[in-house]
Amino acid sequence: MSNDSESLETIMKFPCEFAIKTMGFANINFASIAVEIVRRHADNISNDAVTTKLSKTGKYISVSITITAQSRQQMDAIYQDLTACEHVLMSL
C-alpha cells in the first residue's frame, strides 16, 4: 500500500457519507448517465441523494450524488468508471 492510500484510509473512515460531483454537457441526459454509473457500485441511491445545477449559460450541468461509501476500492471503481465515460468532463 502506498503512502497516499494509507493517508486516504486514515482520513476517511468507512462506511461514510460522500458526495461525488461530476460535470458534463446539459444537452444530453447527463444526470441519468452519472447516476447509472454510480449505481453500478452503490445501488441504494435515493432521488433525494442527487442534486443538479446548470451553468449560467445552460451548456453544462453538474451532478452531485451522495452515497454511503463502503471502501476506498468502491470509491476508486466509481471514479474510474466516471473517468472512462465519454460524457463526463470532470469529476471531483
PDB file of N, CA and C in Angstrom:
ATOM      1  N   MET A   1       0.842  -1.181   0.000  1.00  0.00           N
ATOM      2  CA  MET A   1       0.000   0.000   0.000  1.00  0.00           C
ATOM      3  C   MET A   1       0.886   1.243   0.000  1.00  0.00           C
ATOM      4  N   SER A   2       0.576   2.188  -0.844  1.00  0.00           N
ATOM      5  CA  SER A   2       1.378   3.407  -0.915  1.00  0.00           C
ATOM      6  C   SER A   2       1.015   4.362   0.207  1.00  0.00           C
ATOM      7  N   ASN A   3       1.842   5.374   0.399  1.00  0.00           N
ATOM      8  CA  ASN A   3       1.559   6.379   1.428  1.00  0.00           C
ATOM      9  C   ASN A   3       0.262   7.110   1.158  1.00  0.00           C
ATOM     10  N   ASP A   4      -0.030   7.391  -0.132  1.00  0.00           N
ATOM     11  CA  ASP A   4      -1.280   8.070  -0.475  1.00  0.00           C
ATOM     12  C   ASP A   4      -2.486   7.217  -0.088  1.00  0.00           C
ATOM     13  N   SER A   5      -2.419   5.928  -0.353  1.00  0.00           N
ATOM     14  CA  SER A   5      -3.518   5.033   0.000  1.00  0.00           C
ATOM     15  C   SER A   5      -3.699   4.960   1.503  1.00  0.00           C
ATOM     16  N   GLU A   6      -2.590   4.875   2.220  1.00  0.00           N
ATOM     17  CA  GLU A   6      -2.664   4.832   3.680  1.00  0.00           C
ATOM     18  C   GLU A   6      -3.251   6.121   4.229  1.00  0.00           C
ATOM     19  N   SER A   7      -2.882   7.255   3.650  1.00  0.00           N
ATOM     20  CA  SER A   7      -3.398   8.545   4.111  1.00  0.00           C
ATOM     21  C   SER A   7      -4.901   8.631   3.887  1.00  0.00           C
ATOM     22  N   LEU A   8      -5.379   8.163   2.740  1.00  0.00           N
ATOM     23  CA  LEU A   8      -6.805   8.197   2.456  1.00  0.00           C
ATOM     24  C   LEU A   8      -7.573   7.313   3.427  1.00  0.00           C
ATOM     25  N   GLU A   9      -7.062   6.138   3.705  1.00  0.00           N
ATOM     26  CA  GLU A   9      -7.722   5.243   4.651  1.00  0.00           C
ATOM     27  C   GLU A   9      -7.765   5.868   6.041  1.00  0.00           C
ATOM     28  N   THR A  10      -6.736   6.606   6.416  1.00  0.00           N
ATOM     29  CA  THR A  10      -6.684   7.253   7.724  1.00  0.00           C
ATOM     30  C   THR A  10      -7.676   8.410   7.793  1.00  0.00           C
ATOM     31  N   ILE A  11      -7.778   9.184   6.723  1.00  0.00           N
ATOM     32  CA  ILE A  11      -8.665  10.343   6.694  1.00  0.00           C
ATOM     33  C   ILE A  11     -10.128   9.921   6.641  1.00  0.00           C
ATOM     34  N   MET A  12     -10.434   8.954   5.813  1.00  0.00           N
ATOM     35  CA  MET A  12     -11.820   8.515   5.621  1.00  0.00           C
ATOM     36  C   MET A  12     -12.046   7.212   6.376  1.00  0.00           C
ATOM     37  N   LYS A  13     -12.998   7.234   7.258  1.00  0.00           N
ATOM     38  CA  LYS A  13     -13.402   6.036   7.994  1.00  0.00           C
ATOM     39  C   LYS A  13     -14.660   5.493   7.339  1.00  0.00           C
ATOM     40  N   PHE A  14     -14.580   4.292   6.826  1.00  0.00           N
ATOM     41  CA  PHE A  14     -15.709   3.691   6.109  1.00  0.00           C
ATOM     42  C   PHE A  14     -16.529   2.827   7.043  1.00  0.00           C
ATOM     43  N   PRO A  15     -17.834   2.768   6.827  1.00  0.00           N
ATOM     44  CA  PRO A  15     -18.616   3.499   5.829  1.00  0.00           C
ATOM     45  C   PRO A  15     -18.777   4.966   6.214  1.00  0.00           C
ATOM     46  N   CYS A  16     -18.948   5.814   5.194  1.00  0.00           N
ATOM     47  CA  CYS A  16     -19.136   7.245   5.429  1.00  0.00           C
ATOM     48  C   CYS A  16     -19.959   7.857   4.291  1.00  0.00           C
ATOM     49  N   GLU A  17     -20.613   8.962   4.595  1.00  0.00           N
ATOM     50  CA  GLU A  17     -21.343   9.714   3.577  1.00  0.00           C
ATOM     51  C   GLU A  17     -20.321  10.446   2.717  1.00  0.00           C
ATOM     52  N   PHE A  18     -20.518  10.397   1.399  1.00  0.00           N
ATOM     53  CA  PHE A  18     -19.574  11.037   0.485  1.00  0.00           C
ATOM     54  C   PHE A  18     -20.337  11.568  -0.714  1.00  0.00           C
ATOM     55  N   ALA A  19     -20.064  12.806  -1.090  1.00  0.00           N
ATOM     56  CA  ALA A  19     -20.703  13.419  -2.260  1.00  0.00           C
ATOM     57  C   ALA A  19     -19.764  13.325  -3.454  1.00  0.00           C
ATOM     58  N   ILE A  20     -20.225  12.648  -4.473  1.00  0.00           N
ATOM     59  CA  ILE A  20     -19.488  12.538  -5.727  1.00  0.00           C
ATOM     60  C   ILE A  20     -20.009  13.642  -6.627  1.00  0.00           C
ATOM     61  N   LYS A  21     -19.105  14.435  -7.175  1.00  0.00           N
ATOM     62  CA  LYS A  21     -19.509  15.549  -8.032  1.00  0.00           C
ATOM     63  C   LYS A  21     -18.911  15.324  -9.413  1.00  0.00           C
ATOM     64  N   THR A  22     -19.754  15.496 -10.428  1.00  0.00           N
ATOM     65  CA  THR A  22     -19.304  15.298 -11.799  1.00  0.00           C
ATOM     66  C   THR A  22     -19.980  16.323 -12.710  1.00  0.00           C
ATOM     67  N   MET A  23     -19.363  16.580 -13.859  1.00  0.00           N
ATOM     68  CA  MET A  23     -19.879  17.598 -14.764  1.00  0.00           C
ATOM     69  C   MET A  23     -19.869  17.089 -16.195  1.00  0.00           C
ATOM     70  N   GLY A  24     -20.896  17.490 -16.950  1.00  0.00           N
ATOM     71  CA  GLY A  24     -20.992  17.123 -18.362  1.00  0.00           C
ATOM     72  C   GLY A  24     -21.832  18.138 -19.110  1.00  0.00           C
ATOM     73  N   PHE A  25     -22.095  17.852 -20.362  1.00  0.00           N
ATOM     74  CA  PHE A  25     -22.920  18.734 -21.184  1.00  0.00           C
ATOM     75  C   PHE A  25     -24.389  18.562 -20.816  1.00  0.00           C
ATOM     76  N   ALA A  26     -25.113  19.671 -20.785  1.00  0.00           N
ATOM     77  CA  ALA A  26     -26.520  19.654 -20.378  1.00  0.00           C
ATOM     78  C   ALA A  26     -27.450  19.205 -21.499  1.00  0.00           C
ATOM     79  N   ASN A  27     -26.975  19.177 -22.735  1.00  0.00           N
ATOM     80  CA  ASN A  27     -27.861  18.856 -23.857  1.00  0.00           C
ATOM     81  C   ASN A  27     -28.104  17.351 -24.022  1.00  0.00           C
ATOM     82  N   ILE A  28     -27.526  16.556 -23.153  1.00  0.00           N
ATOM     83  CA  ILE A  28     -27.825  15.126 -23.097  1.00  0.00           C
ATOM     84  C   ILE A  28     -28.408  14.869 -21.714  1.00  0.00           C
ATOM     85  N   ASN A  29     -28.906  13.696 -21.462  1.00  0.00           N
ATOM     86  CA  ASN A  29     -29.463  13.396 -20.143  1.00  0.00           C
ATOM     87  C   ASN A  29     -28.324  13.008 -19.199  1.00  0.00           C
ATOM     88  N   PHE A  30     -27.435  13.977 -18.949  1.00  0.00           N
ATOM     89  CA  PHE A  30     -26.209  13.694 -18.215  1.00  0.00           C
ATOM     90  C   PHE A  30     -26.472  13.217 -16.784  1.00  0.00           C
ATOM     91  N   ALA A  31     -27.451  13.773 -16.112  1.00  0.00           N
ATOM     92  CA  ALA A  31     -27.721  13.360 -14.730  1.00  0.00           C
ATOM     93  C   ALA A  31     -28.041  11.869 -14.674  1.00  0.00           C
ATOM     94  N   SER A  32     -28.841  11.389 -15.597  1.00  0.00           N
ATOM     95  CA  SER A  32     -29.174   9.955 -15.635  1.00  0.00           C
ATOM     96  C   SER A  32     -27.950   9.107 -15.920  1.00  0.00           C
ATOM     97  N   ILE A  33     -27.088   9.579 -16.802  1.00  0.00           N
ATOM     98  CA  ILE A  33     -25.855   8.848 -17.125  1.00  0.00           C
ATOM     99  C   ILE A  33     -24.976   8.747 -15.889  1.00  0.00           C
ATOM    100  N   ALA A  34     -24.796   9.862 -15.184  1.00  0.00           N
ATOM    101  CA  ALA A  34     -23.949   9.877 -13.995  1.00  0.00           C
ATOM    102  C   ALA A  34     -24.508   8.967 -12.902  1.00  0.00           C
ATOM    103  N   VAL A  35     -25.801   9.045 -12.671  1.00  0.00           N
ATOM    104  CA  VAL A  35     -26.429   8.208 -11.633  1.00  0.00           C
ATOM    105  C   VAL A  35     -26.296   6.734 -11.999  1.00  0.00           C
ATOM    106  N   GLU A  36     -26.482   6.396 -13.265  1.00  0.00           N
ATOM    107  CA  GLU A  36     -26.358   4.996 -13.687  1.00  0.00           C
ATOM    108  C   GLU A  36     -24.952   4.469 -13.431  1.00  0.00           C
ATOM    109  N   ILE A  37     -23.949   5.284 -13.699  1.00  0.00           N
ATOM    110  CA  ILE A  37     -22.564   4.872 -13.461  1.00  0.00           C
ATOM    111  C   ILE A  37     -22.328   4.633 -11.971  1.00  0.00           C
ATOM    112  N   VAL A  38     -22.764   5.559 -11.143  1.00  0.00           N
ATOM    113  CA  VAL A  38     -22.554   5.419  -9.698  1.00  0.00           C
ATOM    114  C   VAL A  38     -23.352   4.240  -9.149  1.00  0.00           C
ATOM    115  N   ARG A  39     -24.557   4.006  -9.675  1.00  0.00           N
ATOM    116  CA  ARG A  39     -25.397   2.887  -9.205  1.00  0.00           C
ATOM    117  C   ARG A  39     -24.768   1.531  -9.466  1.00  0.00           C
ATOM    118  N   ARG A  40     -23.846   1.446 -10.396  1.00  0.00           N
ATOM    119  CA  ARG A  40     -23.137   0.182 -10.631  1.00  0.00           C
ATOM    120  C   ARG A  40     -22.384  -0.256  -9.380  1.00  0.00           C
ATOM    121  N   HIS A  41     -22.022   0.721  -8.572  1.00  0.00           N
ATOM    122  CA  HIS A  41     -21.181   0.452  -7.404  1.00  0.00           C
ATOM    123  C   HIS A  41     -21.880   0.734  -6.078  1.00  0.00           C
ATOM    124  N   ALA A  42     -22.938   1.519  -6.112  1.00  0.00           N
ATOM    125  CA  ALA A  42     -23.700   1.890  -4.903  1.00  0.00           C
ATOM    126  C   ALA A  42     -25.165   1.936  -5.296  1.00  0.00           C
ATOM    127  N   ASP A  43     -25.825   0.805  -5.212  1.00  0.00           N
ATOM    128  CA  ASP A  43     -27.172   0.699  -5.770  1.00  0.00           C
ATOM    129  C   ASP A  43     -28.284   1.292  -4.917  1.00  0.00           C
ATOM    130  N   ASN A  44     -27.993   1.755  -3.749  1.00  0.00           N
ATOM    131  CA  ASN A  44     -29.032   2.291  -2.856  1.00  0.00           C
ATOM    132  C   ASN A  44     -29.100   3.820  -2.901  1.00  0.00           C
ATOM    133  N   ILE A  45     -29.062   4.403  -4.079  1.00  0.00           N
ATOM    134  CA  ILE A  45     -29.106   5.855  -4.238  1.00  0.00           C
ATOM    135  C   ILE A  45     -30.568   6.304  -4.335  1.00  0.00           C
ATOM    136  N   SER A  46     -30.976   7.179  -3.431  1.00  0.00           N
ATOM    137  CA  SER A  46     -32.343   7.707  -3.486  1.00  0.00           C
ATOM    138  C   SER A  46     -32.375   8.950  -4.371  1.00  0.00           C
ATOM    139  N   ASN A  47     -33.553   9.330  -4.806  1.00  0.00           N
ATOM    140  CA  ASN A  47     -33.697  10.548  -5.614  1.00  0.00           C
ATOM    141  C   ASN A  47     -33.260  11.780  -4.832  1.00  0.00           C
ATOM    142  N   ASP A  48     -33.433  11.757  -3.499  1.00  0.00           N
ATOM    143  CA  ASP A  48     -33.018  12.884  -2.657  1.00  0.00           C
ATOM    144  C   ASP A  48     -31.506  13.026  -2.599  1.00  0.00           C
ATOM    145  N   ALA A  49     -30.776  11.979  -2.963  1.00  0.00           N
ATOM    146  CA  ALA A  49     -29.319  11.993  -2.894  1.00  0.00           C
ATOM    147  C   ALA A  49     -28.684  12.621  -4.124  1.00  0.00           C
ATOM    148  N   VAL A  50     -29.509  12.999  -5.106  1.00  0.00           N
ATOM    149  CA  VAL A  50     -28.999  13.543  -6.366  1.00  0.00           C
ATOM    150  C   VAL A  50     -29.442  14.996  -6.512  1.00  0.00           C
ATOM    151  N   THR A  51     -28.472  15.879  -6.721  1.00  0.00           N
ATOM    152  CA  THR A  51     -28.785  17.284  -6.998  1.00  0.00           C
ATOM    153  C   THR A  51     -28.075  17.698  -8.281  1.00  0.00           C
ATOM    154  N   THR A  52     -28.693  18.615  -8.995  1.00  0.00           N
ATOM    155  CA  THR A  52     -28.110  19.093 -10.244  1.00  0.00           C
ATOM    156  C   THR A  52     -28.096  20.621 -10.255  1.00  0.00           C
ATOM    157  N   LYS A  53     -27.190  21.152 -11.048  1.00  0.00           N
ATOM    158  CA  LYS A  53     -27.116  22.604 -11.202  1.00  0.00           C
ATOM    159  C   LYS A  53     -26.610  22.914 -12.606  1.00  0.00           C
ATOM    160  N   LEU A  54     -27.366  23.756 -13.319  1.00  0.00           N
ATOM    161  CA  LEU A  54     -26.951  24.197 -14.656  1.00  0.00           C
ATOM    162  C   LEU A  54     -25.956  25.339 -14.557  1.00  0.00           C
ATOM    163  N   SER A  55     -25.053  25.407 -15.517  1.00  0.00           N
ATOM    164  CA  SER A  55     -24.145  26.546 -15.593  1.00  0.00           C
ATOM    165  C   SER A  55     -24.941  27.784 -16.001  1.00  0.00           C
ATOM    166  N   LYS A  56     -24.356  28.947 -15.869  1.00  0.00           N
ATOM    167  CA  LYS A  56     -25.048  30.197 -16.228  1.00  0.00           C
ATOM    168  C   LYS A  56     -25.521  30.187 -17.676  1.00  0.00           C
ATOM    169  N   THR A  57     -24.733  29.610 -18.555  1.00  0.00           N
ATOM    170  CA  THR A  57     -25.084  29.587 -19.973  1.00  0.00           C
ATOM    171  C   THR A  57     -26.017  28.423 -20.324  1.00  0.00           C
ATOM    172  N   GLY A  58     -26.165  27.475 -19.408  1.00  0.00           N
ATOM    173  CA  GLY A  58     -27.000  26.315 -19.670  1.00  0.00           C
ATOM    174  C   GLY A  58     -26.321  25.251 -20.507  1.00  0.00           C
ATOM    175  N   LYS A  59     -25.054  25.433 -20.802  1.00  0.00           N
ATOM    176  CA  LYS A  59     -24.315  24.473 -21.632  1.00  0.00           C
ATOM    177  C   LYS A  59     -23.867  23.255 -20.823  1.00  0.00           C
ATOM    178  N   TYR A  60     -23.556  23.458 -19.546  1.00  0.00           N
ATOM    179  CA  TYR A  60     -23.043  22.383 -18.696  1.00  0.00           C
ATOM    180  C   TYR A  60     -23.987  22.129 -17.528  1.00  0.00           C
ATOM    181  N   ILE A  61     -23.887  20.930 -16.986  1.00  0.00           N
ATOM    182  CA  ILE A  61     -24.642  20.580 -15.794  1.00  0.00           C
ATOM    183  C   ILE A  61     -23.711  19.863 -14.829  1.00  0.00           C
ATOM    184  N   SER A  62     -23.820  20.220 -13.562  1.00  0.00           N
ATOM    185  CA  SER A  62     -23.079  19.493 -12.537  1.00  0.00           C
ATOM    186  C   SER A  62     -24.070  18.626 -11.769  1.00  0.00           C
ATOM    187  N   VAL A  63     -23.614  17.446 -11.409  1.00  0.00           N
ATOM    188  CA  VAL A  63     -24.439  16.488 -10.697  1.00  0.00           C
ATOM    189  C   VAL A  63     -23.694  16.078  -9.437  1.00  0.00           C
ATOM    190  N   SER A  64     -24.359  16.183  -8.301  1.00  0.00           N
ATOM    191  CA  SER A  64     -23.807  15.706  -7.023  1.00  0.00           C
ATOM    192  C   SER A  64     -24.637  14.517  -6.576  1.00  0.00           C
ATOM    193  N   ILE A  65     -23.955  13.441  -6.249  1.00  0.00           N
ATOM    194  CA  ILE A  65     -24.621  12.215  -5.822  1.00  0.00           C
ATOM    195  C   ILE A  65     -24.015  11.809  -4.480  1.00  0.00           C
ATOM    196  N   THR A  66     -24.840  11.823  -3.447  1.00  0.00           N
ATOM    197  CA  THR A  66     -24.355  11.458  -2.118  1.00  0.00           C
ATOM    198  C   THR A  66     -24.630   9.976  -1.888  1.00  0.00           C
ATOM    199  N   ILE A  67     -23.562   9.261  -1.534  1.00  0.00           N
ATOM    200  CA  ILE A  67     -23.676   7.830  -1.274  1.00  0.00           C
ATOM    201  C   ILE A  67     -23.100   7.528   0.102  1.00  0.00           C
ATOM    202  N   THR A  68     -23.373   6.346   0.574  1.00  0.00           N
ATOM    203  CA  THR A  68     -22.680   5.828   1.749  1.00  0.00           C
ATOM    204  C   THR A  68     -21.544   4.973   1.215  1.00  0.00           C
ATOM    205  N   ALA A  69     -20.355   5.531   1.220  1.00  0.00           N
ATOM    206  CA  ALA A  69     -19.182   4.835   0.687  1.00  0.00           C
ATOM    207  C   ALA A  69     -18.784   3.728   1.650  1.00  0.00           C
ATOM    208  N   GLN A  70     -18.521   2.563   1.088  1.00  0.00           N
ATOM    209  CA  GLN A  70     -18.187   1.399   1.907  1.00  0.00           C
ATOM    210  C   GLN A  70     -16.684   1.151   2.007  1.00  0.00           C
ATOM    211  N   SER A  71     -15.924   1.596   0.978  1.00  0.00           N
ATOM    212  CA  SER A  71     -14.476   1.322   0.974  1.00  0.00           C
ATOM    213  C   SER A  71     -13.777   2.223  -0.030  1.00  0.00           C
ATOM    214  N   ARG A  72     -12.484   2.307   0.112  1.00  0.00           N
ATOM    215  CA  ARG A  72     -11.666   3.042  -0.840  1.00  0.00           C
ATOM    216  C   ARG A  72     -11.738   2.384  -2.211  1.00  0.00           C
ATOM    217  N   GLN A  73     -11.795   1.070  -2.244  1.00  0.00           N
ATOM    218  CA  GLN A  73     -11.884   0.348  -3.507  1.00  0.00           C
ATOM    219  C   GLN A  73     -13.182   0.703  -4.245  1.00  0.00           C
ATOM    220  N   GLN A  74     -14.273   0.833  -3.514  1.00  0.00           N
ATOM    221  CA  GLN A  74     -15.539   1.229  -4.118  1.00  0.00           C
ATOM    222  C   GLN A  74     -15.418   2.627  -4.723  1.00  0.00           C
ATOM    223  N   MET A  75     -14.825   3.542  -3.986  1.00  0.00           N
ATOM    224  CA  MET A  75     -14.660   4.909  -4.475  1.00  0.00           C
ATOM    225  C   MET A  75     -13.771   4.934  -5.724  1.00  0.00           C
ATOM    226  N   ASP A  76     -12.680   4.178  -5.697  1.00  0.00           N
ATOM    227  CA  ASP A  76     -11.791   4.111  -6.864  1.00  0.00           C
ATOM    228  C   ASP A  76     -12.538   3.595  -8.089  1.00  0.00           C
ATOM    229  N   ALA A  77     -13.354   2.569  -7.903  1.00  0.00           N
ATOM    230  CA  ALA A  77     -14.099   1.984  -9.022  1.00  0.00           C
ATOM    231  C   ALA A  77     -15.100   2.991  -9.603  1.00  0.00           C
ATOM    232  N   ILE A  78     -15.769   3.731  -8.738  1.00  0.00           N
ATOM    233  CA  ILE A  78     -16.721   4.745  -9.205  1.00  0.00           C
ATOM    234  C   ILE A  78     -15.994   5.792 -10.042  1.00  0.00           C
ATOM    235  N   TYR A  79     -14.885   6.322  -9.526  1.00  0.00           N
ATOM    236  CA  TYR A  79     -14.168   7.362 -10.256  1.00  0.00           C
ATOM    237  C   TYR A  79     -13.546   6.836 -11.544  1.00  0.00           C
ATOM    238  N   GLN A  80     -13.124   5.582 -11.565  1.00  0.00           N
ATOM    239  CA  GLN A  80     -12.593   5.002 -12.803  1.00  0.00           C
ATOM    240  C   GLN A  80     -13.686   4.916 -13.864  1.00  0.00           C
ATOM    241  N   ASP A  81     -14.879   4.486 -13.466  1.00  0.00           N
ATOM    242  CA  ASP A  81     -15.983   4.406 -14.423  1.00  0.00           C
ATOM    243  C   ASP A  81     -16.422   5.786 -14.902  1.00  0.00           C
ATOM    244  N   LEU A  82     -16.456   6.764 -14.001  1.00  0.00           N
ATOM    245  CA  LEU A  82     -16.808   8.123 -14.412  1.00  0.00           C
ATOM    246  C   LEU A  82     -15.773   8.670 -15.391  1.00  0.00           C
ATOM    247  N   THR A  83     -14.512   8.455 -15.106  1.00  0.00           N
ATOM    248  CA  THR A  83     -13.435   8.940 -15.970  1.00  0.00           C
ATOM    249  C   THR A  83     -13.494   8.286 -17.345  1.00  0.00           C
ATOM    250  N   ALA A  84     -13.890   7.025 -17.384  1.00  0.00           N
ATOM    251  CA  ALA A  84     -13.944   6.297 -18.652  1.00  0.00           C
ATOM    252  C   ALA A  84     -15.141   6.701 -19.524  1.00  0.00           C
ATOM    253  N   CYS A  85     -16.127   7.341 -18.943  1.00  0.00           N
ATOM    254  CA  CYS A  85     -17.322   7.720 -19.696  1.00  0.00           C
ATOM    255  C   CYS A  85     -17.034   8.932 -20.585  1.00  0.00           C
ATOM    256  N   GLU A  86     -17.363   8.806 -21.854  1.00  0.00           N
ATOM    257  CA  GLU A  86     -17.106   9.888 -22.806  1.00  0.00           C
ATOM    258  C   GLU A  86     -17.894  11.155 -22.517  1.00  0.00           C
ATOM    259  N   HIS A  87     -19.006  11.049 -21.775  1.00  0.00           N
ATOM    260  CA  HIS A  87     -19.844  12.202 -21.484  1.00  0.00           C
ATOM    261  C   HIS A  87     -19.399  12.984 -20.257  1.00  0.00           C
ATOM    262  N   VAL A  88     -18.533  12.398 -19.451  1.00  0.00           N
ATOM    263  CA  VAL A  88     -18.061  13.050 -18.232  1.00  0.00           C
ATOM    264  C   VAL A  88     -16.886  13.965 -18.575  1.00  0.00           C
ATOM    265  N   LEU A  89     -17.050  15.243 -18.249  1.00  0.00           N
ATOM    266  CA  LEU A  89     -15.973  16.204 -18.486  1.00  0.00           C
ATOM    267  C   LEU A  89     -15.032  16.299 -17.297  1.00  0.00           C
ATOM    268  N   MET A  90     -15.586  16.151 -16.087  1.00  0.00           N
ATOM    269  CA  MET A  90     -14.772  16.287 -14.877  1.00  0.00           C
ATOM    270  C   MET A  90     -15.520  15.643 -13.712  1.00  0.00           C
ATOM    271  N   SER A  91     -14.746  15.067 -12.789  1.00  0.00           N
ATOM    272  CA  SER A  91     -15.333  14.512 -11.563  1.00  0.00           C
ATOM    273  C   SER A  91     -14.463  14.900 -10.383  1.00  0.00           C
ATOM    274  N   LEU A  92     -15.131  15.186  -9.281  1.00  0.00           N
ATOM    275  CA  LEU A  92     -14.429  15.540  -8.040  1.00  0.00           C
ATOM    276  C   LEU A  92     -14.880  14.611  -6.932  1.00  0.00           C
TER     277      LEU A  92
END
